[in-house]
Amino acid sequence: MAGQVGLAGSVKVGNGVMMGGQVGIADHVQVGDGVALLAKSGLMDNAPAKTQWAGYPARTRIQWLRIEAALNELPDALKFLRQLERRLEELEKSLKPKSE
């Protein structure tokens, strides 16, 4: 257990659990044997044995890594979406029948 770890009431922690700094665990959560909680994780649900968790709220390490990777692409994706919206509006305007 590293520094600034906080465990709420009735938390059950298994054997060989590793907790990075500033990890927080909500009340009534069970942490299985051999679980790894990466730094600054906020565990809100039970963690099965031999799993790795990261982020807030904590997700499996693999899911957290995918989310972090997608966040890096978000600005470009939003820019592309706005361009598509403008093109769609222009297309819809060009397809409207002209009033006589």
PDB file of N, CA and C in Angstrom:
ATOM      1  N   MET A   1       0.845  -1.169   0.000  1.00  0.00           N
ATOM      2  CA  MET A   1       0.000   0.000   0.000  1.00  0.00           C
ATOM      3  C   MET A   1       0.897   1.241   0.000  1.00  0.00           C
ATOM      4  N   ALA A   2       0.738   2.052  -1.009  1.00  0.00           N
ATOM      5  CA  ALA A   2       1.523   3.289  -1.077  1.00  0.00           C
ATOM      6  C   ALA A   2       0.818   4.399  -0.287  1.00  0.00           C
ATOM      7  N   GLY A   3       1.401   5.573  -0.277  1.00  0.00           N
ATOM      8  CA  GLY A   3       0.875   6.689   0.491  1.00  0.00           C
ATOM      9  C   GLY A   3      -0.470   7.196  -0.009  1.00  0.00           C
ATOM     10  N   GLN A   4      -1.232   7.762   0.905  1.00  0.00           N
ATOM     11  CA  GLN A   4      -2.523   8.401   0.644  1.00  0.00           C
ATOM     12  C   GLN A   4      -3.568   7.443   0.085  1.00  0.00           C
ATOM     13  N   VAL A   5      -3.533   6.197   0.489  1.00  0.00           N
ATOM     14  CA  VAL A   5      -4.562   5.233   0.113  1.00  0.00           C
ATOM     15  C   VAL A   5      -5.696   5.369   1.103  1.00  0.00           C
ATOM     16  N   GLY A   6      -6.938   5.364   0.597  1.00  0.00           N
ATOM     17  CA  GLY A   6      -8.097   5.477   1.467  1.00  0.00           C
ATOM     18  C   GLY A   6      -9.062   4.328   1.251  1.00  0.00           C
ATOM     19  N   LEU A   7      -9.404   3.660   2.346  1.00  0.00           N
ATOM     20  CA  LEU A   7     -10.365   2.561   2.293  1.00  0.00           C
ATOM     21  C   LEU A   7     -11.596   2.967   3.086  1.00  0.00           C
ATOM     22  N   ALA A   8     -12.758   2.903   2.456  1.00  0.00           N
ATOM     23  CA  ALA A   8     -13.996   3.233   3.156  1.00  0.00           C
ATOM     24  C   ALA A   8     -14.410   2.053   4.035  1.00  0.00           C
ATOM     25  N   GLY A   9     -15.500   2.214   4.736  1.00  0.00           N
ATOM     26  CA  GLY A   9     -15.948   1.199   5.673  1.00  0.00           C
ATOM     27  C   GLY A   9     -16.287  -0.130   5.027  1.00  0.00           C
ATOM     28  N   SER A  10     -16.013  -1.189   5.735  1.00  0.00           N
ATOM     29  CA  SER A  10     -16.350  -2.565   5.361  1.00  0.00           C
ATOM     30  C   SER A  10     -15.676  -3.054   4.086  1.00  0.00           C
ATOM     31  N   VAL A  11     -14.569  -2.459   3.698  1.00  0.00           N
ATOM     32  CA  VAL A  11     -13.809  -2.936   2.539  1.00  0.00           C
ATOM     33  C   VAL A  11     -13.069  -4.201   2.943  1.00  0.00           C
ATOM     34  N   LYS A  12     -13.113  -5.200   2.071  1.00  0.00           N
ATOM     35  CA  LYS A  12     -12.369  -6.441   2.318  1.00  0.00           C
ATOM     36  C   LYS A  12     -11.273  -6.548   1.266  1.00  0.00           C
ATOM     37  N   VAL A  13     -10.035  -6.671   1.738  1.00  0.00           N
ATOM     38  CA  VAL A  13      -8.874  -6.717   0.854  1.00  0.00           C
ATOM     39  C   VAL A  13      -8.228  -8.096   0.971  1.00  0.00           C
ATOM     40  N   GLY A  14      -8.032  -8.746  -0.183  1.00  0.00           N
ATOM     41  CA  GLY A  14      -7.422 -10.070  -0.214  1.00  0.00           C
ATOM     42  C   GLY A  14      -5.918 -10.023  -0.004  1.00  0.00           C
ATOM     43  N   ASN A  15      -5.294 -11.162  -0.115  1.00  0.00           N
ATOM     44  CA  ASN A  15      -3.846 -11.284   0.055  1.00  0.00           C
ATOM     45  C   ASN A  15      -3.109 -10.826  -1.200  1.00  0.00           C
ATOM     46  N   GLY A  16      -1.947 -10.226  -1.004  1.00  0.00           N
ATOM     47  CA  GLY A  16      -1.088  -9.849  -2.118  1.00  0.00           C
ATOM     48  C   GLY A  16      -1.630  -8.732  -2.983  1.00  0.00           C
ATOM     49  N   VAL A  17      -2.503  -7.905  -2.437  1.00  0.00           N
ATOM     50  CA  VAL A  17      -3.060  -6.777  -3.193  1.00  0.00           C
ATOM     51  C   VAL A  17      -2.042  -5.640  -3.195  1.00  0.00           C
ATOM     52  N   MET A  18      -1.859  -5.001  -4.358  1.00  0.00           N
ATOM     53  CA  MET A  18      -0.960  -3.857  -4.477  1.00  0.00           C
ATOM     54  C   MET A  18      -1.791  -2.615  -4.785  1.00  0.00           C
ATOM     55  N   MET A  19      -1.548  -1.554  -4.018  1.00  0.00           N
ATOM     56  CA  MET A  19      -2.268  -0.297  -4.216  1.00  0.00           C
ATOM     57  C   MET A  19      -1.269   0.827  -4.399  1.00  0.00           C
ATOM     58  N   GLY A  20      -1.362   1.502  -5.540  1.00  0.00           N
ATOM     59  CA  GLY A  20      -0.506   2.651  -5.793  1.00  0.00           C
ATOM     60  C   GLY A  20      -0.952   3.850  -4.977  1.00  0.00           C
ATOM     61  N   GLY A  21      -0.199   4.916  -5.047  1.00  0.00           N
ATOM     62  CA  GLY A  21      -0.504   6.135  -4.301  1.00  0.00           C
ATOM     63  C   GLY A  21      -1.844   6.743  -4.689  1.00  0.00           C
ATOM     64  N   GLN A  22      -2.524   7.281  -3.704  1.00  0.00           N
ATOM     65  CA  GLN A  22      -3.794   7.987  -3.855  1.00  0.00           C
ATOM     66  C   GLN A  22      -4.919   7.108  -4.380  1.00  0.00           C
ATOM     67  N   VAL A  23      -4.863   5.817  -4.131  1.00  0.00           N
ATOM     68  CA  VAL A  23      -5.962   4.923  -4.489  1.00  0.00           C
ATOM     69  C   VAL A  23      -7.071   5.101  -3.460  1.00  0.00           C
ATOM     70  N   GLY A  24      -8.310   5.076  -3.934  1.00  0.00           N
ATOM     71  CA  GLY A  24      -9.461   5.130  -3.041  1.00  0.00           C
ATOM     72  C   GLY A  24     -10.405   3.983  -3.343  1.00  0.00           C
ATOM     73  N   ILE A  25     -10.952   3.381  -2.297  1.00  0.00           N
ATOM     74  CA  ILE A  25     -11.878   2.272  -2.471  1.00  0.00           C
ATOM     75  C   ILE A  25     -13.170   2.600  -1.732  1.00  0.00           C
ATOM     76  N   ALA A  26     -14.296   2.497  -2.445  1.00  0.00           N
ATOM     77  CA  ALA A  26     -15.608   2.804  -1.876  1.00  0.00           C
ATOM     78  C   ALA A  26     -16.008   1.752  -0.845  1.00  0.00           C
ATOM     79  N   ASP A  27     -16.993   2.099  -0.031  1.00  0.00           N
ATOM     80  CA  ASP A  27     -17.421   1.189   1.032  1.00  0.00           C
ATOM     81  C   ASP A  27     -18.076  -0.084   0.503  1.00  0.00           C
ATOM     82  N   HIS A  28     -17.910  -1.146   1.265  1.00  0.00           N
ATOM     83  CA  HIS A  28     -18.486  -2.468   0.995  1.00  0.00           C
ATOM     84  C   HIS A  28     -17.942  -3.133  -0.267  1.00  0.00           C
ATOM     85  N   VAL A  29     -16.761  -2.736  -0.724  1.00  0.00           N
ATOM     86  CA  VAL A  29     -16.143  -3.329  -1.913  1.00  0.00           C
ATOM     87  C   VAL A  29     -15.222  -4.464  -1.477  1.00  0.00           C
ATOM     88  N   GLN A  30     -15.198  -5.531  -2.278  1.00  0.00           N
ATOM     89  CA  GLN A  30     -14.294  -6.647  -2.019  1.00  0.00           C
ATOM     90  C   GLN A  30     -13.196  -6.656  -3.082  1.00  0.00           C
ATOM     91  N   VAL A  31     -11.967  -6.704  -2.621  1.00  0.00           N
ATOM     92  CA  VAL A  31     -10.806  -6.716  -3.505  1.00  0.00           C
ATOM     93  C   VAL A  31     -10.178  -8.110  -3.404  1.00  0.00           C
ATOM     94  N   GLY A  32     -10.174  -8.833  -4.513  1.00  0.00           N
ATOM     95  CA  GLY A  32      -9.673 -10.207  -4.512  1.00  0.00           C
ATOM     96  C   GLY A  32      -8.170 -10.313  -4.367  1.00  0.00           C
ATOM     97  N   ASP A  33      -7.702 -11.522  -4.132  1.00  0.00           N
ATOM     98  CA  ASP A  33      -6.271 -11.791  -3.984  1.00  0.00           C
ATOM     99  C   ASP A  33      -5.504 -11.388  -5.243  1.00  0.00           C
ATOM    100  N   GLY A  34      -4.339 -10.778  -5.045  1.00  0.00           N
ATOM    101  CA  GLY A  34      -3.453 -10.463  -6.155  1.00  0.00           C
ATOM    102  C   GLY A  34      -3.905  -9.331  -7.066  1.00  0.00           C
ATOM    103  N   VAL A  35      -4.860  -8.530  -6.628  1.00  0.00           N
ATOM    104  CA  VAL A  35      -5.337  -7.404  -7.444  1.00  0.00           C
ATOM    105  C   VAL A  35      -4.299  -6.284  -7.411  1.00  0.00           C
ATOM    106  N   ALA A  36      -4.140  -5.585  -8.532  1.00  0.00           N
ATOM    107  CA  ALA A  36      -3.269  -4.413  -8.610  1.00  0.00           C
ATOM    108  C   ALA A  36      -4.126  -3.194  -8.931  1.00  0.00           C
ATOM    109  N   LEU A  37      -4.046  -2.188  -8.079  1.00  0.00           N
ATOM    110  CA  LEU A  37      -4.761  -0.924  -8.293  1.00  0.00           C
ATOM    111  C   LEU A  37      -3.713   0.142  -8.582  1.00  0.00           C
ATOM    112  N   LEU A  38      -3.726   0.652  -9.815  1.00  0.00           N
ATOM    113  CA  LEU A  38      -2.732   1.641 -10.208  1.00  0.00           C
ATOM    114  C   LEU A  38      -2.992   2.971  -9.515  1.00  0.00           C
ATOM    115  N   ALA A  39      -1.979   3.800  -9.433  1.00  0.00           N
ATOM    116  CA  ALA A  39      -2.054   5.073  -8.718  1.00  0.00           C
ATOM    117  C   ALA A  39      -3.245   5.919  -9.169  1.00  0.00           C
ATOM    118  N   LYS A  40      -3.842   6.596  -8.221  1.00  0.00           N
ATOM    119  CA  LYS A  40      -4.974   7.510  -8.418  1.00  0.00           C
ATOM    120  C   LYS A  40      -6.234   6.807  -8.921  1.00  0.00           C
ATOM    121  N   SER A  41      -6.345   5.512  -8.684  1.00  0.00           N
ATOM    122  CA  SER A  41      -7.542   4.769  -9.083  1.00  0.00           C
ATOM    123  C   SER A  41      -8.618   4.943  -8.035  1.00  0.00           C
ATOM    124  N   GLY A  42      -9.860   4.928  -8.482  1.00  0.00           N
ATOM    125  CA  GLY A  42     -11.002   4.991  -7.582  1.00  0.00           C
ATOM    126  C   GLY A  42     -11.880   3.781  -7.810  1.00  0.00           C
ATOM    127  N   LEU A  43     -11.744   2.780  -6.968  1.00  0.00           N
ATOM    128  CA  LEU A  43     -12.471   1.518  -7.139  1.00  0.00           C
ATOM    129  C   LEU A  43     -13.844   1.622  -6.489  1.00  0.00           C
ATOM    130  N   MET A  44     -14.891   1.452  -7.301  1.00  0.00           N
ATOM    131  CA  MET A  44     -16.265   1.579  -6.819  1.00  0.00           C
ATOM    132  C   MET A  44     -16.984   0.236  -6.728  1.00  0.00           C
ATOM    133  N   ASP A  45     -16.472  -0.783  -7.427  1.00  0.00           N
ATOM    134  CA  ASP A  45     -17.097  -2.101  -7.472  1.00  0.00           C
ATOM    135  C   ASP A  45     -16.081  -3.168  -7.082  1.00  0.00           C
ATOM    136  N   ASN A  46     -16.574  -4.361  -6.842  1.00  0.00           N
ATOM    137  CA  ASN A  46     -15.696  -5.475  -6.486  1.00  0.00           C
ATOM    138  C   ASN A  46     -14.676  -5.735  -7.587  1.00  0.00           C
ATOM    139  N   ALA A  47     -13.483  -6.159  -7.177  1.00  0.00           N
ATOM    140  CA  ALA A  47     -12.406  -6.480  -8.116  1.00  0.00           C
ATOM    141  C   ALA A  47     -12.052  -7.957  -7.959  1.00  0.00           C
ATOM    142  N   PRO A  48     -12.308  -8.765  -8.988  1.00  0.00           N
ATOM    143  CA  PRO A  48     -11.973 -10.187  -8.901  1.00  0.00           C
ATOM    144  C   PRO A  48     -10.466 -10.402  -8.748  1.00  0.00           C
ATOM    145  N   ALA A  49     -10.105 -11.553  -8.248  1.00  0.00           N
ATOM    146  CA  ALA A  49      -8.700 -11.888  -8.005  1.00  0.00           C
ATOM    147  C   ALA A  49      -7.862 -11.764  -9.280  1.00  0.00           C
ATOM    148  N   LYS A  50      -6.617 -11.359  -9.074  1.00  0.00           N
ATOM    149  CA  LYS A  50      -5.600 -11.285 -10.132  1.00  0.00           C
ATOM    150  C   LYS A  50      -6.004 -10.406 -11.311  1.00  0.00           C
ATOM    151  N   THR A  51      -6.649  -9.283 -11.017  1.00  0.00           N
ATOM    152  CA  THR A  51      -6.989  -8.326 -12.066  1.00  0.00           C
ATOM    153  C   THR A  51      -6.251  -7.019 -11.784  1.00  0.00           C
ATOM    154  N   GLN A  52      -6.154  -6.177 -12.810  1.00  0.00           N
ATOM    155  CA  GLN A  52      -5.497  -4.879 -12.684  1.00  0.00           C
ATOM    156  C   GLN A  52      -6.513  -3.793 -13.008  1.00  0.00           C
ATOM    157  N   TRP A  53      -6.490  -2.727 -12.200  1.00  0.00           N
ATOM    158  CA  TRP A  53      -7.466  -1.649 -12.331  1.00  0.00           C
ATOM    159  C   TRP A  53      -6.759  -0.305 -12.367  1.00  0.00           C
ATOM    160  N   ALA A  54      -7.362   0.644 -13.103  1.00  0.00           N
ATOM    161  CA  ALA A  54      -6.775   1.985 -13.211  1.00  0.00           C
ATOM    162  C   ALA A  54      -7.869   2.996 -13.488  1.00  0.00           C
ATOM    163  N   GLY A  55      -7.602   4.250 -13.163  1.00  0.00           N
ATOM    164  CA  GLY A  55      -8.493   5.349 -13.506  1.00  0.00           C
ATOM    165  C   GLY A  55      -9.564   5.614 -12.473  1.00  0.00           C
ATOM    166  N   TYR A  56     -10.337   6.669 -12.756  1.00  0.00           N
ATOM    167  CA  TYR A  56     -11.446   7.047 -11.884  1.00  0.00           C
ATOM    168  C   TYR A  56     -12.645   7.366 -12.748  1.00  0.00           C
ATOM    169  N   PRO A  57     -13.732   6.621 -12.592  1.00  0.00           N
ATOM    170  CA  PRO A  57     -13.820   5.413 -11.773  1.00  0.00           C
ATOM    171  C   PRO A  57     -12.947   4.309 -12.365  1.00  0.00           C
ATOM    172  N   ALA A  58     -12.483   3.424 -11.498  1.00  0.00           N
ATOM    173  CA  ALA A  58     -11.559   2.379 -11.931  1.00  0.00           C
ATOM    174  C   ALA A  58     -12.204   1.446 -12.945  1.00  0.00           C
ATOM    175  N   ARG A  59     -11.426   1.130 -13.950  1.00  0.00           N
ATOM    176  CA  ARG A  59     -11.809   0.167 -14.980  1.00  0.00           C
ATOM    177  C   ARG A  59     -10.669  -0.838 -15.082  1.00  0.00           C
ATOM    178  N   THR A  60     -10.912  -1.936 -15.786  1.00  0.00           N
ATOM    179  CA  THR A  60      -9.790  -2.849 -15.976  1.00  0.00           C
ATOM    180  C   THR A  60      -8.676  -2.076 -16.673  1.00  0.00           C
ATOM    181  N   ARG A  61      -7.456  -2.476 -16.410  1.00  0.00           N
ATOM    182  CA  ARG A  61      -6.301  -1.754 -16.959  1.00  0.00           C
ATOM    183  C   ARG A  61      -6.367  -1.654 -18.474  1.00  0.00           C
ATOM    184  N   ILE A  62      -6.760  -2.727 -19.152  1.00  0.00           N
ATOM    185  CA  ILE A  62      -6.848  -2.725 -20.617  1.00  0.00           C
ATOM    186  C   ILE A  62      -7.887  -1.715 -21.095  1.00  0.00           C
ATOM    187  N   GLN A  63      -9.058  -1.719 -20.459  1.00  0.00           N
ATOM    188  CA  GLN A  63     -10.106  -0.769 -20.850  1.00  0.00           C
ATOM    189  C   GLN A  63      -9.645   0.663 -20.600  1.00  0.00           C
ATOM    190  N   TRP A  64      -8.980   0.902 -19.479  1.00  0.00           N
ATOM    191  CA  TRP A  64      -8.489   2.236 -19.156  1.00  0.00           C
ATOM    192  C   TRP A  64      -7.470   2.699 -20.195  1.00  0.00           C
ATOM    193  N   LEU A  65      -6.566   1.812 -20.612  1.00  0.00           N
ATOM    194  CA  LEU A  65      -5.577   2.168 -21.625  1.00  0.00           C
ATOM    195  C   LEU A  65      -6.248   2.522 -22.953  1.00  0.00           C
ATOM    196  N   ARG A  66      -7.274   1.768 -23.326  1.00  0.00           N
ATOM    197  CA  ARG A  66      -8.001   2.063 -24.572  1.00  0.00           C
ATOM    198  C   ARG A  66      -8.688   3.426 -24.498  1.00  0.00           C
ATOM    199  N   ILE A  67      -9.286   3.721 -23.357  1.00  0.00           N
ATOM    200  CA  ILE A  67      -9.954   5.020 -23.185  1.00  0.00           C
ATOM    201  C   ILE A  67      -8.939   6.155 -23.261  1.00  0.00           C
ATOM    202  N   GLU A  68      -7.811   6.003 -22.596  1.00  0.00           N
ATOM    203  CA  GLU A  68      -6.776   7.032 -22.634  1.00  0.00           C
ATOM    204  C   GLU A  68      -6.261   7.246 -24.060  1.00  0.00           C
ATOM    205  N   ALA A  69      -6.083   6.166 -24.810  1.00  0.00           N
ATOM    206  CA  ALA A  69      -5.631   6.280 -26.201  1.00  0.00           C
ATOM    207  C   ALA A  69      -6.674   7.003 -27.040  1.00  0.00           C
ATOM    208  N   ALA A  70      -7.945   6.694 -26.826  1.00  0.00           N
ATOM    209  CA  ALA A  70      -9.021   7.341 -27.592  1.00  0.00           C
ATOM    210  C   ALA A  70      -9.117   8.826 -27.254  1.00  0.00           C
ATOM    211  N   LEU A  71      -8.857   9.195 -26.012  1.00  0.00           N
ATOM    212  CA  LEU A  71      -8.909  10.609 -25.624  1.00  0.00           C
ATOM    213  C   LEU A  71      -7.895  11.428 -26.404  1.00  0.00           C
ATOM    214  N   ASN A  72      -6.755  10.842 -26.728  1.00  0.00           N
ATOM    215  CA  ASN A  72      -5.745  11.561 -27.511  1.00  0.00           C
ATOM    216  C   ASN A  72      -6.243  11.874 -28.916  1.00  0.00           C
ATOM    217  N   GLU A  73      -7.138  11.059 -29.439  1.00  0.00           N
ATOM    218  CA  GLU A  73      -7.675  11.257 -30.786  1.00  0.00           C
ATOM    219  C   GLU A  73      -8.942  12.103 -30.799  1.00  0.00           C
ATOM    220  N   LEU A  74      -9.492  12.402 -29.649  1.00  0.00           N
ATOM    221  CA  LEU A  74     -10.770  13.099 -29.561  1.00  0.00           C
ATOM    222  C   LEU A  74     -10.797  14.467 -30.251  1.00  0.00           C
ATOM    223  N   PRO A  75      -9.806  15.341 -30.083  1.00  0.00           N
ATOM    224  CA  PRO A  75      -9.877  16.645 -30.770  1.00  0.00           C
ATOM    225  C   PRO A  75      -9.993  16.517 -32.290  1.00  0.00           C
ATOM    226  N   ASP A  76      -9.211  15.626 -32.897  1.00  0.00           N
ATOM    227  CA  ASP A  76      -9.294  15.433 -34.348  1.00  0.00           C
ATOM    228  C   ASP A  76     -10.629  14.820 -34.753  1.00  0.00           C
ATOM    229  N   ALA A  77     -11.140  13.908 -33.947  1.00  0.00           N
ATOM    230  CA  ALA A  77     -12.431  13.282 -34.250  1.00  0.00           C
ATOM    231  C   ALA A  77     -13.553  14.312 -34.200  1.00  0.00           C
ATOM    232  N   LEU A  78     -13.518  15.216 -33.233  1.00  0.00           N
ATOM    233  CA  LEU A  78     -14.538  16.269 -33.143  1.00  0.00           C
ATOM    234  C   LEU A  78     -14.457  17.226 -34.327  1.00  0.00           C
ATOM    235  N   LYS A  79     -13.252  17.572 -34.714  1.00  0.00           N
ATOM    236  CA  LYS A  79     -13.069  18.447 -35.878  1.00  0.00           C
ATOM    237  C   LYS A  79     -13.652  17.791 -37.127  1.00  0.00           C
ATOM    238  N   PHE A  80     -13.367  16.497 -37.310  1.00  0.00           N
ATOM    239  CA  PHE A  80     -13.887  15.756 -38.452  1.00  0.00           C
ATOM    240  C   PHE A  80     -15.415  15.688 -38.411  1.00  0.00           C
ATOM    241  N   LEU A  81     -15.979  15.459 -37.229  1.00  0.00           N
ATOM    242  CA  LEU A  81     -17.437  15.399 -37.082  1.00  0.00           C
ATOM    243  C   LEU A  81     -18.078  16.734 -37.452  1.00  0.00           C
ATOM    244  N   ARG A  82     -17.488  17.820 -37.024  1.00  0.00           N
ATOM    245  CA  ARG A  82     -18.044  19.151 -37.367  1.00  0.00           C
ATOM    246  C   ARG A  82     -17.989  19.400 -38.874  1.00  0.00           C
ATOM    247  N   GLN A  83     -16.917  18.954 -39.510  1.00  0.00           N
ATOM    248  CA  GLN A  83     -16.820  19.097 -40.969  1.00  0.00           C
ATOM    249  C   GLN A  83     -17.912  18.285 -41.649  1.00  0.00           C
ATOM    250  N   LEU A  84     -18.149  17.075 -41.186  1.00  0.00           N
ATOM    251  CA  LEU A  84     -19.211  16.246 -41.756  1.00  0.00           C
ATOM    252  C   LEU A  84     -20.577  16.889 -41.570  1.00  0.00           C
ATOM    253  N   GLU A  85     -20.821  17.475 -40.407  1.00  0.00           N
ATOM    254  CA  GLU A  85     -22.097  18.152 -40.154  1.00  0.00           C
ATOM    255  C   GLU A  85     -22.310  19.305 -41.136  1.00  0.00           C
ATOM    256  N   ARG A  86     -21.255  20.091 -41.357  1.00  0.00           N
ATOM    257  CA  ARG A  86     -21.369  21.215 -42.305  1.00  0.00           C
ATOM    258  C   ARG A  86     -21.647  20.701 -43.721  1.00  0.00           C
ATOM    259  N   ARG A  87     -20.941  19.650 -44.124  1.00  0.00           N
ATOM    260  CA  ARG A  87     -21.163  19.085 -45.460  1.00  0.00           C
ATOM    261  C   ARG A  87     -22.577  18.539 -45.601  1.00  0.00           C
ATOM    262  N   LEU A  88     -23.081  17.904 -44.558  1.00  0.00           N
ATOM    263  CA  LEU A  88     -24.444  17.374 -44.587  1.00  0.00           C
ATOM    264  C   LEU A  88     -25.462  18.501 -44.701  1.00  0.00           C
ATOM    265  N   GLU A  89     -25.263  19.578 -43.946  1.00  0.00           N
ATOM    266  CA  GLU A  89     -26.167  20.724 -44.045  1.00  0.00           C
ATOM    267  C   GLU A  89     -26.174  21.297 -45.461  1.00  0.00           C
ATOM    268  N   GLU A  90     -24.998  21.426 -46.057  1.00  0.00           N
ATOM    269  CA  GLU A  90     -24.908  21.946 -47.429  1.00  0.00           C
ATOM    270  C   GLU A  90     -25.615  21.020 -48.414  1.00  0.00           C
ATOM    271  N   LEU A  91     -25.437  19.734 -48.239  1.00  0.00           N
ATOM    272  CA  LEU A  91     -26.091  18.758 -49.108  1.00  0.00           C
ATOM    273  C   LEU A  91     -27.605  18.816 -48.955  1.00  0.00           C
ATOM    274  N   GLU A  92     -28.091  18.907 -47.730  1.00  0.00           N
ATOM    275  CA  GLU A  92     -29.536  18.993 -47.497  1.00  0.00           C
ATOM    276  C   GLU A  92     -30.109  20.260 -48.124  1.00  0.00           C
ATOM    277  N   LYS A  93     -29.385  21.370 -48.025  1.00  0.00           N
ATOM    278  CA  LYS A  93     -29.853  22.617 -48.633  1.00  0.00           C
ATOM    279  C   LYS A  93     -29.932  22.484 -50.145  1.00  0.00           C
ATOM    280  N   SER A  94     -28.953  21.820 -50.737  1.00  0.00           N
ATOM    281  CA  SER A  94     -28.936  21.690 -52.197  1.00  0.00           C
ATOM    282  C   SER A  94     -30.027  20.739 -52.699  1.00  0.00           C
ATOM    283  N   LEU A  95     -30.502  19.843 -51.858  1.00  0.00           N
ATOM    284  CA  LEU A  95     -31.533  18.888 -52.263  1.00  0.00           C
ATOM    285  C   LEU A  95     -32.956  19.380 -52.029  1.00  0.00           C
ATOM    286  N   LYS A  96     -33.110  20.467 -51.263  1.00  0.00           N
ATOM    287  CA  LYS A  96     -34.453  20.997 -51.015  1.00  0.00           C
ATOM    288  C   LYS A  96     -35.034  21.549 -52.325  1.00  0.00           C
ATOM    289  N   PRO A  97     -36.329  21.254 -52.553  1.00  0.00           N
ATOM    290  CA  PRO A  97     -36.939  21.827 -53.745  1.00  0.00           C
ATOM    291  C   PRO A  97     -37.056  23.342 -53.611  1.00  0.00           C
ATOM    292  N   LYS A  98     -36.783  24.007 -54.708  1.00  0.00           N
ATOM    293  CA  LYS A  98     -36.861  25.473 -54.708  1.00  0.00           C
ATOM    294  C   LYS A  98     -38.314  25.903 -54.785  1.00  0.00           C
ATOM    295  N   SER A  99     -38.681  26.827 -53.919  1.00  0.00           N
ATOM    296  CA  SER A  99     -40.077  27.307 -53.934  1.00  0.00           C
ATOM    297  C   SER A  99     -40.265  28.262 -55.113  1.00  0.00           C
ATOM    298  N   GLU A 100     -41.448  28.198 -55.697  1.00  0.00           N
ATOM    299  CA  GLU A 100     -41.727  29.008 -56.896  1.00  0.00           C
ATOM    300  C   GLU A 100     -42.339  30.317 -56.572  1.00  0.00           C
TER     301      GLU A 100
END
